[in-house]
PDBML (XML) file of the C-alpha atoms, coordinates in Angstrom:
<?xml version="1.0" encoding="UTF-8" ?>
<PDBx:datablock datablockName="MODEL"
   xmlns:PDBx="http://pdbml.pdb.org/schema/pdbx-v50.xsd"
   xmlns:xsi="http://www.w3.org/2001/XMLSchema-instance"
   xsi:schemaLocation="http://pdbml.pdb.org/schema/pdbx-v50.xsd pdbx-v50.xsd">
   <PDBx:atom_siteCategory>
      <PDBx:atom_site id="1">
         <PDBx:B_iso_or_equiv>0.00</PDBx:B_iso_or_equiv>
         <PDBx:Cartn_x>115.429</PDBx:Cartn_x>
         <PDBx:Cartn_y>106.988</PDBx:Cartn_y>
         <PDBx:Cartn_z>135.042</PDBx:Cartn_z>
         <PDBx:auth_asym_id>A</PDBx:auth_asym_id>
         <PDBx:auth_atom_id>CA</PDBx:auth_atom_id>
         <PDBx:auth_comp_id>GLU</PDBx:auth_comp_id>
         <PDBx:auth_seq_id>1</PDBx:auth_seq_id>
         <PDBx:group_PDB>ATOM</PDBx:group_PDB>
         <PDBx:label_alt_id xsi:nil="true" />
         <PDBx:label_asym_id>A</PDBx:label_asym_id>
         <PDBx:label_atom_id>CA</PDBx:label_atom_id>
         <PDBx:label_comp_id>GLU</PDBx:label_comp_id>
         <PDBx:label_entity_id>1</PDBx:label_entity_id>
         <PDBx:label_seq_id>1</PDBx:label_seq_id>
         <PDBx:occupancy>1.00</PDBx:occupancy>
         <PDBx:pdbx_PDB_model_num>1</PDBx:pdbx_PDB_model_num>
         <PDBx:type_symbol>C</PDBx:type_symbol>
      </PDBx:atom_site>
      <PDBx:atom_site id="2">
         <PDBx:B_iso_or_equiv>0.00</PDBx:B_iso_or_equiv>
         <PDBx:Cartn_x>119.197</PDBx:Cartn_x>
         <PDBx:Cartn_y>106.547</PDBx:Cartn_y>
         <PDBx:Cartn_z>135.695</PDBx:Cartn_z>
         <PDBx:auth_asym_id>A</PDBx:auth_asym_id>
         <PDBx:auth_atom_id>CA</PDBx:auth_atom_id>
         <PDBx:auth_comp_id>VAL</PDBx:auth_comp_id>
         <PDBx:auth_seq_id>2</PDBx:auth_seq_id>
         <PDBx:group_PDB>ATOM</PDBx:group_PDB>
         <PDBx:label_alt_id xsi:nil="true" />
         <PDBx:label_asym_id>A</PDBx:label_asym_id>
         <PDBx:label_atom_id>CA</PDBx:label_atom_id>
         <PDBx:label_comp_id>VAL</PDBx:label_comp_id>
         <PDBx:label_entity_id>1</PDBx:label_entity_id>
         <PDBx:label_seq_id>2</PDBx:label_seq_id>
         <PDBx:occupancy>1.00</PDBx:occupancy>
         <PDBx:pdbx_PDB_model_num>1</PDBx:pdbx_PDB_model_num>
         <PDBx:type_symbol>C</PDBx:type_symbol>
      </PDBx:atom_site>
      <PDBx:atom_site id="3">
         <PDBx:B_iso_or_equiv>0.00</PDBx:B_iso_or_equiv>
         <PDBx:Cartn_x>120.172</PDBx:Cartn_x>
         <PDBx:Cartn_y>108.638</PDBx:Cartn_y>
         <PDBx:Cartn_z>132.667</PDBx:Cartn_z>
         <PDBx:auth_asym_id>A</PDBx:auth_asym_id>
         <PDBx:auth_atom_id>CA</PDBx:auth_atom_id>
         <PDBx:auth_comp_id>ALA</PDBx:auth_comp_id>
         <PDBx:auth_seq_id>3</PDBx:auth_seq_id>
         <PDBx:group_PDB>ATOM</PDBx:group_PDB>
         <PDBx:label_alt_id xsi:nil="true" />
         <PDBx:label_asym_id>A</PDBx:label_asym_id>
         <PDBx:label_atom_id>CA</PDBx:label_atom_id>
         <PDBx:label_comp_id>ALA</PDBx:label_comp_id>
         <PDBx:label_entity_id>1</PDBx:label_entity_id>
         <PDBx:label_seq_id>3</PDBx:label_seq_id>
         <PDBx:occupancy>1.00</PDBx:occupancy>
         <PDBx:pdbx_PDB_model_num>1</PDBx:pdbx_PDB_model_num>
         <PDBx:type_symbol>C</PDBx:type_symbol>
      </PDBx:atom_site>
      <PDBx:atom_site id="4">
         <PDBx:B_iso_or_equiv>0.00</PDBx:B_iso_or_equiv>
         <PDBx:Cartn_x>117.495</PDBx:Cartn_x>
         <PDBx:Cartn_y>111.299</PDBx:Cartn_y>
         <PDBx:Cartn_z>133.477</PDBx:Cartn_z>
         <PDBx:auth_asym_id>A</PDBx:auth_asym_id>
         <PDBx:auth_atom_id>CA</PDBx:auth_atom_id>
         <PDBx:auth_comp_id>ALA</PDBx:auth_comp_id>
         <PDBx:auth_seq_id>4</PDBx:auth_seq_id>
         <PDBx:group_PDB>ATOM</PDBx:group_PDB>
         <PDBx:label_alt_id xsi:nil="true" />
         <PDBx:label_asym_id>A</PDBx:label_asym_id>
         <PDBx:label_atom_id>CA</PDBx:label_atom_id>
         <PDBx:label_comp_id>ALA</PDBx:label_comp_id>
         <PDBx:label_entity_id>1</PDBx:label_entity_id>
         <PDBx:label_seq_id>4</PDBx:label_seq_id>
         <PDBx:occupancy>1.00</PDBx:occupancy>
         <PDBx:pdbx_PDB_model_num>1</PDBx:pdbx_PDB_model_num>
         <PDBx:type_symbol>C</PDBx:type_symbol>
      </PDBx:atom_site>
      <PDBx:atom_site id="5">
         <PDBx:B_iso_or_equiv>0.00</PDBx:B_iso_or_equiv>
         <PDBx:Cartn_x>118.798</PDBx:Cartn_x>
         <PDBx:Cartn_y>111.630</PDBx:Cartn_y>
         <PDBx:Cartn_z>137.045</PDBx:Cartn_z>
         <PDBx:auth_asym_id>A</PDBx:auth_asym_id>
         <PDBx:auth_atom_id>CA</PDBx:auth_atom_id>
         <PDBx:auth_comp_id>ASP</PDBx:auth_comp_id>
         <PDBx:auth_seq_id>5</PDBx:auth_seq_id>
         <PDBx:group_PDB>ATOM</PDBx:group_PDB>
         <PDBx:label_alt_id xsi:nil="true" />
         <PDBx:label_asym_id>A</PDBx:label_asym_id>
         <PDBx:label_atom_id>CA</PDBx:label_atom_id>
         <PDBx:label_comp_id>ASP</PDBx:label_comp_id>
         <PDBx:label_entity_id>1</PDBx:label_entity_id>
         <PDBx:label_seq_id>5</PDBx:label_seq_id>
         <PDBx:occupancy>1.00</PDBx:occupancy>
         <PDBx:pdbx_PDB_model_num>1</PDBx:pdbx_PDB_model_num>
         <PDBx:type_symbol>C</PDBx:type_symbol>
      </PDBx:atom_site>
      <PDBx:atom_site id="6">
         <PDBx:B_iso_or_equiv>0.00</PDBx:B_iso_or_equiv>
         <PDBx:Cartn_x>122.343</PDBx:Cartn_x>
         <PDBx:Cartn_y>112.172</PDBx:Cartn_y>
         <PDBx:Cartn_z>135.651</PDBx:Cartn_z>
         <PDBx:auth_asym_id>A</PDBx:auth_asym_id>
         <PDBx:auth_atom_id>CA</PDBx:auth_atom_id>
         <PDBx:auth_comp_id>GLU</PDBx:auth_comp_id>
         <PDBx:auth_seq_id>6</PDBx:auth_seq_id>
         <PDBx:group_PDB>ATOM</PDBx:group_PDB>
         <PDBx:label_alt_id xsi:nil="true" />
         <PDBx:label_asym_id>A</PDBx:label_asym_id>
         <PDBx:label_atom_id>CA</PDBx:label_atom_id>
         <PDBx:label_comp_id>GLU</PDBx:label_comp_id>
         <PDBx:label_entity_id>1</PDBx:label_entity_id>
         <PDBx:label_seq_id>6</PDBx:label_seq_id>
         <PDBx:occupancy>1.00</PDBx:occupancy>
         <PDBx:pdbx_PDB_model_num>1</PDBx:pdbx_PDB_model_num>
         <PDBx:type_symbol>C</PDBx:type_symbol>
      </PDBx:atom_site>
      <PDBx:atom_site id="7">
         <PDBx:B_iso_or_equiv>0.00</PDBx:B_iso_or_equiv>
         <PDBx:Cartn_x>120.981</PDBx:Cartn_x>
         <PDBx:Cartn_y>114.904</PDBx:Cartn_y>
         <PDBx:Cartn_z>133.389</PDBx:Cartn_z>
         <PDBx:auth_asym_id>A</PDBx:auth_asym_id>
         <PDBx:auth_atom_id>CA</PDBx:auth_atom_id>
         <PDBx:auth_comp_id>ARG</PDBx:auth_comp_id>
         <PDBx:auth_seq_id>7</PDBx:auth_seq_id>
         <PDBx:group_PDB>ATOM</PDBx:group_PDB>
         <PDBx:label_alt_id xsi:nil="true" />
         <PDBx:label_asym_id>A</PDBx:label_asym_id>
         <PDBx:label_atom_id>CA</PDBx:label_atom_id>
         <PDBx:label_comp_id>ARG</PDBx:label_comp_id>
         <PDBx:label_entity_id>1</PDBx:label_entity_id>
         <PDBx:label_seq_id>7</PDBx:label_seq_id>
         <PDBx:occupancy>1.00</PDBx:occupancy>
         <PDBx:pdbx_PDB_model_num>1</PDBx:pdbx_PDB_model_num>
         <PDBx:type_symbol>C</PDBx:type_symbol>
      </PDBx:atom_site>
      <PDBx:atom_site id="8">
         <PDBx:B_iso_or_equiv>0.00</PDBx:B_iso_or_equiv>
         <PDBx:Cartn_x>118.378</PDBx:Cartn_x>
         <PDBx:Cartn_y>116.656</PDBx:Cartn_y>
         <PDBx:Cartn_z>135.523</PDBx:Cartn_z>
         <PDBx:auth_asym_id>A</PDBx:auth_asym_id>
         <PDBx:auth_atom_id>CA</PDBx:auth_atom_id>
         <PDBx:auth_comp_id>PHE</PDBx:auth_comp_id>
         <PDBx:auth_seq_id>8</PDBx:auth_seq_id>
         <PDBx:group_PDB>ATOM</PDBx:group_PDB>
         <PDBx:label_alt_id xsi:nil="true" />
         <PDBx:label_asym_id>A</PDBx:label_asym_id>
         <PDBx:label_atom_id>CA</PDBx:label_atom_id>
         <PDBx:label_comp_id>PHE</PDBx:label_comp_id>
         <PDBx:label_entity_id>1</PDBx:label_entity_id>
         <PDBx:label_seq_id>8</PDBx:label_seq_id>
         <PDBx:occupancy>1.00</PDBx:occupancy>
         <PDBx:pdbx_PDB_model_num>1</PDBx:pdbx_PDB_model_num>
         <PDBx:type_symbol>C</PDBx:type_symbol>
      </PDBx:atom_site>
      <PDBx:atom_site id="9">
         <PDBx:B_iso_or_equiv>0.00</PDBx:B_iso_or_equiv>
         <PDBx:Cartn_x>118.557</PDBx:Cartn_x>
         <PDBx:Cartn_y>115.766</PDBx:Cartn_y>
         <PDBx:Cartn_z>139.249</PDBx:Cartn_z>
         <PDBx:auth_asym_id>A</PDBx:auth_asym_id>
         <PDBx:auth_atom_id>CA</PDBx:auth_atom_id>
         <PDBx:auth_comp_id>LYS</PDBx:auth_comp_id>
         <PDBx:auth_seq_id>9</PDBx:auth_seq_id>
         <PDBx:group_PDB>ATOM</PDBx:group_PDB>
         <PDBx:label_alt_id xsi:nil="true" />
         <PDBx:label_asym_id>A</PDBx:label_asym_id>
         <PDBx:label_atom_id>CA</PDBx:label_atom_id>
         <PDBx:label_comp_id>LYS</PDBx:label_comp_id>
         <PDBx:label_entity_id>1</PDBx:label_entity_id>
         <PDBx:label_seq_id>9</PDBx:label_seq_id>
         <PDBx:occupancy>1.00</PDBx:occupancy>
         <PDBx:pdbx_PDB_model_num>1</PDBx:pdbx_PDB_model_num>
         <PDBx:type_symbol>C</PDBx:type_symbol>
      </PDBx:atom_site>
      <PDBx:atom_site id="10">
         <PDBx:B_iso_or_equiv>0.00</PDBx:B_iso_or_equiv>
         <PDBx:Cartn_x>119.262</PDBx:Cartn_x>
         <PDBx:Cartn_y>118.780</PDBx:Cartn_y>
         <PDBx:Cartn_z>141.514</PDBx:Cartn_z>
         <PDBx:auth_asym_id>A</PDBx:auth_asym_id>
         <PDBx:auth_atom_id>CA</PDBx:auth_atom_id>
         <PDBx:auth_comp_id>ASP</PDBx:auth_comp_id>
         <PDBx:auth_seq_id>10</PDBx:auth_seq_id>
         <PDBx:group_PDB>ATOM</PDBx:group_PDB>
         <PDBx:label_alt_id xsi:nil="true" />
         <PDBx:label_asym_id>A</PDBx:label_asym_id>
         <PDBx:label_atom_id>CA</PDBx:label_atom_id>
         <PDBx:label_comp_id>ASP</PDBx:label_comp_id>
         <PDBx:label_entity_id>1</PDBx:label_entity_id>
         <PDBx:label_seq_id>10</PDBx:label_seq_id>
         <PDBx:occupancy>1.00</PDBx:occupancy>
         <PDBx:pdbx_PDB_model_num>1</PDBx:pdbx_PDB_model_num>
         <PDBx:type_symbol>C</PDBx:type_symbol>
      </PDBx:atom_site>
      <PDBx:atom_site id="11">
         <PDBx:B_iso_or_equiv>0.00</PDBx:B_iso_or_equiv>
         <PDBx:Cartn_x>119.366</PDBx:Cartn_x>
         <PDBx:Cartn_y>121.074</PDBx:Cartn_y>
         <PDBx:Cartn_z>138.435</PDBx:Cartn_z>
         <PDBx:auth_asym_id>A</PDBx:auth_asym_id>
         <PDBx:auth_atom_id>CA</PDBx:auth_atom_id>
         <PDBx:auth_comp_id>LYS</PDBx:auth_comp_id>
         <PDBx:auth_seq_id>11</PDBx:auth_seq_id>
         <PDBx:group_PDB>ATOM</PDBx:group_PDB>
         <PDBx:label_alt_id xsi:nil="true" />
         <PDBx:label_asym_id>A</PDBx:label_asym_id>
         <PDBx:label_atom_id>CA</PDBx:label_atom_id>
         <PDBx:label_comp_id>LYS</PDBx:label_comp_id>
         <PDBx:label_entity_id>1</PDBx:label_entity_id>
         <PDBx:label_seq_id>11</PDBx:label_seq_id>
         <PDBx:occupancy>1.00</PDBx:occupancy>
         <PDBx:pdbx_PDB_model_num>1</PDBx:pdbx_PDB_model_num>
         <PDBx:type_symbol>C</PDBx:type_symbol>
      </PDBx:atom_site>
      <PDBx:atom_site id="12">
         <PDBx:B_iso_or_equiv>0.00</PDBx:B_iso_or_equiv>
         <PDBx:Cartn_x>117.101</PDBx:Cartn_x>
         <PDBx:Cartn_y>124.012</PDBx:Cartn_y>
         <PDBx:Cartn_z>137.590</PDBx:Cartn_z>
         <PDBx:auth_asym_id>A</PDBx:auth_asym_id>
         <PDBx:auth_atom_id>CA</PDBx:auth_atom_id>
         <PDBx:auth_comp_id>PRO</PDBx:auth_comp_id>
         <PDBx:auth_seq_id>12</PDBx:auth_seq_id>
         <PDBx:group_PDB>ATOM</PDBx:group_PDB>
         <PDBx:label_alt_id xsi:nil="true" />
         <PDBx:label_asym_id>A</PDBx:label_asym_id>
         <PDBx:label_atom_id>CA</PDBx:label_atom_id>
         <PDBx:label_comp_id>PRO</PDBx:label_comp_id>
         <PDBx:label_entity_id>1</PDBx:label_entity_id>
         <PDBx:label_seq_id>12</PDBx:label_seq_id>
         <PDBx:occupancy>1.00</PDBx:occupancy>
         <PDBx:pdbx_PDB_model_num>1</PDBx:pdbx_PDB_model_num>
         <PDBx:type_symbol>C</PDBx:type_symbol>
      </PDBx:atom_site>
      <PDBx:atom_site id="13">
         <PDBx:B_iso_or_equiv>0.00</PDBx:B_iso_or_equiv>
         <PDBx:Cartn_x>114.559</PDBx:Cartn_x>
         <PDBx:Cartn_y>123.479</PDBx:Cartn_y>
         <PDBx:Cartn_z>134.856</PDBx:Cartn_z>
         <PDBx:auth_asym_id>A</PDBx:auth_asym_id>
         <PDBx:auth_atom_id>CA</PDBx:auth_atom_id>
         <PDBx:auth_comp_id>VAL</PDBx:auth_comp_id>
         <PDBx:auth_seq_id>13</PDBx:auth_seq_id>
         <PDBx:group_PDB>ATOM</PDBx:group_PDB>
         <PDBx:label_alt_id xsi:nil="true" />
         <PDBx:label_asym_id>A</PDBx:label_asym_id>
         <PDBx:label_atom_id>CA</PDBx:label_atom_id>
         <PDBx:label_comp_id>VAL</PDBx:label_comp_id>
         <PDBx:label_entity_id>1</PDBx:label_entity_id>
         <PDBx:label_seq_id>13</PDBx:label_seq_id>
         <PDBx:occupancy>1.00</PDBx:occupancy>
         <PDBx:pdbx_PDB_model_num>1</PDBx:pdbx_PDB_model_num>
         <PDBx:type_symbol>C</PDBx:type_symbol>
      </PDBx:atom_site>
      <PDBx:atom_site id="14">
         <PDBx:B_iso_or_equiv>0.00</PDBx:B_iso_or_equiv>
         <PDBx:Cartn_x>111.767</PDBx:Cartn_x>
         <PDBx:Cartn_y>125.375</PDBx:Cartn_y>
         <PDBx:Cartn_z>133.139</PDBx:Cartn_z>
         <PDBx:auth_asym_id>A</PDBx:auth_asym_id>
         <PDBx:auth_atom_id>CA</PDBx:auth_atom_id>
         <PDBx:auth_comp_id>ILE</PDBx:auth_comp_id>
         <PDBx:auth_seq_id>14</PDBx:auth_seq_id>
         <PDBx:group_PDB>ATOM</PDBx:group_PDB>
         <PDBx:label_alt_id xsi:nil="true" />
         <PDBx:label_asym_id>A</PDBx:label_asym_id>
         <PDBx:label_atom_id>CA</PDBx:label_atom_id>
         <PDBx:label_comp_id>ILE</PDBx:label_comp_id>
         <PDBx:label_entity_id>1</PDBx:label_entity_id>
         <PDBx:label_seq_id>14</PDBx:label_seq_id>
         <PDBx:occupancy>1.00</PDBx:occupancy>
         <PDBx:pdbx_PDB_model_num>1</PDBx:pdbx_PDB_model_num>
         <PDBx:type_symbol>C</PDBx:type_symbol>
      </PDBx:atom_site>
      <PDBx:atom_site id="15">
         <PDBx:B_iso_or_equiv>0.00</PDBx:B_iso_or_equiv>
         <PDBx:Cartn_x>108.775</PDBx:Cartn_x>
         <PDBx:Cartn_y>123.160</PDBx:Cartn_y>
         <PDBx:Cartn_z>132.210</PDBx:Cartn_z>
         <PDBx:auth_asym_id>A</PDBx:auth_asym_id>
         <PDBx:auth_atom_id>CA</PDBx:auth_atom_id>
         <PDBx:auth_comp_id>VAL</PDBx:auth_comp_id>
         <PDBx:auth_seq_id>15</PDBx:auth_seq_id>
         <PDBx:group_PDB>ATOM</PDBx:group_PDB>
         <PDBx:label_alt_id xsi:nil="true" />
         <PDBx:label_asym_id>A</PDBx:label_asym_id>
         <PDBx:label_atom_id>CA</PDBx:label_atom_id>
         <PDBx:label_comp_id>VAL</PDBx:label_comp_id>
         <PDBx:label_entity_id>1</PDBx:label_entity_id>
         <PDBx:label_seq_id>15</PDBx:label_seq_id>
         <PDBx:occupancy>1.00</PDBx:occupancy>
         <PDBx:pdbx_PDB_model_num>1</PDBx:pdbx_PDB_model_num>
         <PDBx:type_symbol>C</PDBx:type_symbol>
      </PDBx:atom_site>
      <PDBx:atom_site id="16">
         <PDBx:B_iso_or_equiv>0.00</PDBx:B_iso_or_equiv>
         <PDBx:Cartn_x>105.687</PDBx:Cartn_x>
         <PDBx:Cartn_y>124.082</PDBx:Cartn_y>
         <PDBx:Cartn_z>130.152</PDBx:Cartn_z>
         <PDBx:auth_asym_id>A</PDBx:auth_asym_id>
         <PDBx:auth_atom_id>CA</PDBx:auth_atom_id>
         <PDBx:auth_comp_id>THR</PDBx:auth_comp_id>
         <PDBx:auth_seq_id>16</PDBx:auth_seq_id>
         <PDBx:group_PDB>ATOM</PDBx:group_PDB>
         <PDBx:label_alt_id xsi:nil="true" />
         <PDBx:label_asym_id>A</PDBx:label_asym_id>
         <PDBx:label_atom_id>CA</PDBx:label_atom_id>
         <PDBx:label_comp_id>THR</PDBx:label_comp_id>
         <PDBx:label_entity_id>1</PDBx:label_entity_id>
         <PDBx:label_seq_id>16</PDBx:label_seq_id>
         <PDBx:occupancy>1.00</PDBx:occupancy>
         <PDBx:pdbx_PDB_model_num>1</PDBx:pdbx_PDB_model_num>
         <PDBx:type_symbol>C</PDBx:type_symbol>
      </PDBx:atom_site>
      <PDBx:atom_site id="17">
         <PDBx:B_iso_or_equiv>0.00</PDBx:B_iso_or_equiv>
         <PDBx:Cartn_x>102.690</PDBx:Cartn_x>
         <PDBx:Cartn_y>121.919</PDBx:Cartn_y>
         <PDBx:Cartn_z>129.852</PDBx:Cartn_z>
         <PDBx:auth_asym_id>A</PDBx:auth_asym_id>
         <PDBx:auth_atom_id>CA</PDBx:auth_atom_id>
         <PDBx:auth_comp_id>GLY</PDBx:auth_comp_id>
         <PDBx:auth_seq_id>17</PDBx:auth_seq_id>
         <PDBx:group_PDB>ATOM</PDBx:group_PDB>
         <PDBx:label_alt_id xsi:nil="true" />
         <PDBx:label_asym_id>A</PDBx:label_asym_id>
         <PDBx:label_atom_id>CA</PDBx:label_atom_id>
         <PDBx:label_comp_id>GLY</PDBx:label_comp_id>
         <PDBx:label_entity_id>1</PDBx:label_entity_id>
         <PDBx:label_seq_id>17</PDBx:label_seq_id>
         <PDBx:occupancy>1.00</PDBx:occupancy>
         <PDBx:pdbx_PDB_model_num>1</PDBx:pdbx_PDB_model_num>
         <PDBx:type_symbol>C</PDBx:type_symbol>
      </PDBx:atom_site>
      <PDBx:atom_site id="18">
         <PDBx:B_iso_or_equiv>0.00</PDBx:B_iso_or_equiv>
         <PDBx:Cartn_x>98.918</PDBx:Cartn_x>
         <PDBx:Cartn_y>121.514</PDBx:Cartn_y>
         <PDBx:Cartn_z>130.214</PDBx:Cartn_z>
         <PDBx:auth_asym_id>A</PDBx:auth_asym_id>
         <PDBx:auth_atom_id>CA</PDBx:auth_atom_id>
         <PDBx:auth_comp_id>LYS</PDBx:auth_comp_id>
         <PDBx:auth_seq_id>18</PDBx:auth_seq_id>
         <PDBx:group_PDB>ATOM</PDBx:group_PDB>
         <PDBx:label_alt_id xsi:nil="true" />
         <PDBx:label_asym_id>A</PDBx:label_asym_id>
         <PDBx:label_atom_id>CA</PDBx:label_atom_id>
         <PDBx:label_comp_id>LYS</PDBx:label_comp_id>
         <PDBx:label_entity_id>1</PDBx:label_entity_id>
         <PDBx:label_seq_id>18</PDBx:label_seq_id>
         <PDBx:occupancy>1.00</PDBx:occupancy>
         <PDBx:pdbx_PDB_model_num>1</PDBx:pdbx_PDB_model_num>
         <PDBx:type_symbol>C</PDBx:type_symbol>
      </PDBx:atom_site>
      <PDBx:atom_site id="19">
         <PDBx:B_iso_or_equiv>0.00</PDBx:B_iso_or_equiv>
         <PDBx:Cartn_x>97.760</PDBx:Cartn_x>
         <PDBx:Cartn_y>121.557</PDBx:Cartn_y>
         <PDBx:Cartn_z>133.817</PDBx:Cartn_z>
         <PDBx:auth_asym_id>A</PDBx:auth_asym_id>
         <PDBx:auth_atom_id>CA</PDBx:auth_atom_id>
         <PDBx:auth_comp_id>ILE</PDBx:auth_comp_id>
         <PDBx:auth_seq_id>19</PDBx:auth_seq_id>
         <PDBx:group_PDB>ATOM</PDBx:group_PDB>
         <PDBx:label_alt_id xsi:nil="true" />
         <PDBx:label_asym_id>A</PDBx:label_asym_id>
         <PDBx:label_atom_id>CA</PDBx:label_atom_id>
         <PDBx:label_comp_id>ILE</PDBx:label_comp_id>
         <PDBx:label_entity_id>1</PDBx:label_entity_id>
         <PDBx:label_seq_id>19</PDBx:label_seq_id>
         <PDBx:occupancy>1.00</PDBx:occupancy>
         <PDBx:pdbx_PDB_model_num>1</PDBx:pdbx_PDB_model_num>
         <PDBx:type_symbol>C</PDBx:type_symbol>
      </PDBx:atom_site>
      <PDBx:atom_site id="20">
         <PDBx:B_iso_or_equiv>0.00</PDBx:B_iso_or_equiv>
         <PDBx:Cartn_x>96.402</PDBx:Cartn_x>
         <PDBx:Cartn_y>118.185</PDBx:Cartn_y>
         <PDBx:Cartn_z>134.891</PDBx:Cartn_z>
         <PDBx:auth_asym_id>A</PDBx:auth_asym_id>
         <PDBx:auth_atom_id>CA</PDBx:auth_atom_id>
         <PDBx:auth_comp_id>GLN</PDBx:auth_comp_id>
         <PDBx:auth_seq_id>20</PDBx:auth_seq_id>
         <PDBx:group_PDB>ATOM</PDBx:group_PDB>
         <PDBx:label_alt_id xsi:nil="true" />
         <PDBx:label_asym_id>A</PDBx:label_asym_id>
         <PDBx:label_atom_id>CA</PDBx:label_atom_id>
         <PDBx:label_comp_id>GLN</PDBx:label_comp_id>
         <PDBx:label_entity_id>1</PDBx:label_entity_id>
         <PDBx:label_seq_id>20</PDBx:label_seq_id>
         <PDBx:occupancy>1.00</PDBx:occupancy>
         <PDBx:pdbx_PDB_model_num>1</PDBx:pdbx_PDB_model_num>
         <PDBx:type_symbol>C</PDBx:type_symbol>
      </PDBx:atom_site>
      <PDBx:atom_site id="21">
         <PDBx:B_iso_or_equiv>0.00</PDBx:B_iso_or_equiv>
         <PDBx:Cartn_x>95.634</PDBx:Cartn_x>
         <PDBx:Cartn_y>119.175</PDBx:Cartn_y>
         <PDBx:Cartn_z>138.479</PDBx:Cartn_z>
         <PDBx:auth_asym_id>A</PDBx:auth_asym_id>
         <PDBx:auth_atom_id>CA</PDBx:auth_atom_id>
         <PDBx:auth_comp_id>SER</PDBx:auth_comp_id>
         <PDBx:auth_seq_id>21</PDBx:auth_seq_id>
         <PDBx:group_PDB>ATOM</PDBx:group_PDB>
         <PDBx:label_alt_id xsi:nil="true" />
         <PDBx:label_asym_id>A</PDBx:label_asym_id>
         <PDBx:label_atom_id>CA</PDBx:label_atom_id>
         <PDBx:label_comp_id>SER</PDBx:label_comp_id>
         <PDBx:label_entity_id>1</PDBx:label_entity_id>
         <PDBx:label_seq_id>21</PDBx:label_seq_id>
         <PDBx:occupancy>1.00</PDBx:occupancy>
         <PDBx:pdbx_PDB_model_num>1</PDBx:pdbx_PDB_model_num>
         <PDBx:type_symbol>C</PDBx:type_symbol>
      </PDBx:atom_site>
      <PDBx:atom_site id="22">
         <PDBx:B_iso_or_equiv>0.00</PDBx:B_iso_or_equiv>
         <PDBx:Cartn_x>96.164</PDBx:Cartn_x>
         <PDBx:Cartn_y>121.823</PDBx:Cartn_y>
         <PDBx:Cartn_z>141.153</PDBx:Cartn_z>
         <PDBx:auth_asym_id>A</PDBx:auth_asym_id>
         <PDBx:auth_atom_id>CA</PDBx:auth_atom_id>
         <PDBx:auth_comp_id>ILE</PDBx:auth_comp_id>
         <PDBx:auth_seq_id>22</PDBx:auth_seq_id>
         <PDBx:group_PDB>ATOM</PDBx:group_PDB>
         <PDBx:label_alt_id xsi:nil="true" />
         <PDBx:label_asym_id>A</PDBx:label_asym_id>
         <PDBx:label_atom_id>CA</PDBx:label_atom_id>
         <PDBx:label_comp_id>ILE</PDBx:label_comp_id>
         <PDBx:label_entity_id>1</PDBx:label_entity_id>
         <PDBx:label_seq_id>22</PDBx:label_seq_id>
         <PDBx:occupancy>1.00</PDBx:occupancy>
         <PDBx:pdbx_PDB_model_num>1</PDBx:pdbx_PDB_model_num>
         <PDBx:type_symbol>C</PDBx:type_symbol>
      </PDBx:atom_site>
      <PDBx:atom_site id="23">
         <PDBx:B_iso_or_equiv>0.00</PDBx:B_iso_or_equiv>
         <PDBx:Cartn_x>96.086</PDBx:Cartn_x>
         <PDBx:Cartn_y>120.646</PDBx:Cartn_y>
         <PDBx:Cartn_z>144.702</PDBx:Cartn_z>
         <PDBx:auth_asym_id>A</PDBx:auth_asym_id>
         <PDBx:auth_atom_id>CA</PDBx:auth_atom_id>
         <PDBx:auth_comp_id>SER</PDBx:auth_comp_id>
         <PDBx:auth_seq_id>23</PDBx:auth_seq_id>
         <PDBx:group_PDB>ATOM</PDBx:group_PDB>
         <PDBx:label_alt_id xsi:nil="true" />
         <PDBx:label_asym_id>A</PDBx:label_asym_id>
         <PDBx:label_atom_id>CA</PDBx:label_atom_id>
         <PDBx:label_comp_id>SER</PDBx:label_comp_id>
         <PDBx:label_entity_id>1</PDBx:label_entity_id>
         <PDBx:label_seq_id>23</PDBx:label_seq_id>
         <PDBx:occupancy>1.00</PDBx:occupancy>
         <PDBx:pdbx_PDB_model_num>1</PDBx:pdbx_PDB_model_num>
         <PDBx:type_symbol>C</PDBx:type_symbol>
      </PDBx:atom_site>
      <PDBx:atom_site id="24">
         <PDBx:B_iso_or_equiv>0.00</PDBx:B_iso_or_equiv>
         <PDBx:Cartn_x>97.847</PDBx:Cartn_x>
         <PDBx:Cartn_y>120.404</PDBx:Cartn_y>
         <PDBx:Cartn_z>148.140</PDBx:Cartn_z>
         <PDBx:auth_asym_id>A</PDBx:auth_asym_id>
         <PDBx:auth_atom_id>CA</PDBx:auth_atom_id>
         <PDBx:auth_comp_id>LYS</PDBx:auth_comp_id>
         <PDBx:auth_seq_id>24</PDBx:auth_seq_id>
         <PDBx:group_PDB>ATOM</PDBx:group_PDB>
         <PDBx:label_alt_id xsi:nil="true" />
         <PDBx:label_asym_id>A</PDBx:label_asym_id>
         <PDBx:label_atom_id>CA</PDBx:label_atom_id>
         <PDBx:label_comp_id>LYS</PDBx:label_comp_id>
         <PDBx:label_entity_id>1</PDBx:label_entity_id>
         <PDBx:label_seq_id>24</PDBx:label_seq_id>
         <PDBx:occupancy>1.00</PDBx:occupancy>
         <PDBx:pdbx_PDB_model_num>1</PDBx:pdbx_PDB_model_num>
         <PDBx:type_symbol>C</PDBx:type_symbol>
      </PDBx:atom_site>
      <PDBx:atom_site id="25">
         <PDBx:B_iso_or_equiv>0.00</PDBx:B_iso_or_equiv>
         <PDBx:Cartn_x>99.923</PDBx:Cartn_x>
         <PDBx:Cartn_y>117.595</PDBx:Cartn_y>
         <PDBx:Cartn_z>149.581</PDBx:Cartn_z>
         <PDBx:auth_asym_id>A</PDBx:auth_asym_id>
         <PDBx:auth_atom_id>CA</PDBx:auth_atom_id>
         <PDBx:auth_comp_id>ASP</PDBx:auth_comp_id>
         <PDBx:auth_seq_id>25</PDBx:auth_seq_id>
         <PDBx:group_PDB>ATOM</PDBx:group_PDB>
         <PDBx:label_alt_id xsi:nil="true" />
         <PDBx:label_asym_id>A</PDBx:label_asym_id>
         <PDBx:label_atom_id>CA</PDBx:label_atom_id>
         <PDBx:label_comp_id>ASP</PDBx:label_comp_id>
         <PDBx:label_entity_id>1</PDBx:label_entity_id>
         <PDBx:label_seq_id>25</PDBx:label_seq_id>
         <PDBx:occupancy>1.00</PDBx:occupancy>
         <PDBx:pdbx_PDB_model_num>1</PDBx:pdbx_PDB_model_num>
         <PDBx:type_symbol>C</PDBx:type_symbol>
      </PDBx:atom_site>
   </PDBx:atom_siteCategory>
</PDBx:datablock>
C-alpha cells in the first residue's frame, strides 16, 4: 500500500475491469 500510494495517489488513472456492482453510497 505504501508503494502504491507513492505511485498512484492523487494521480489520474484509467481502469478497465468487469463490473462487480453498481450502487450508491
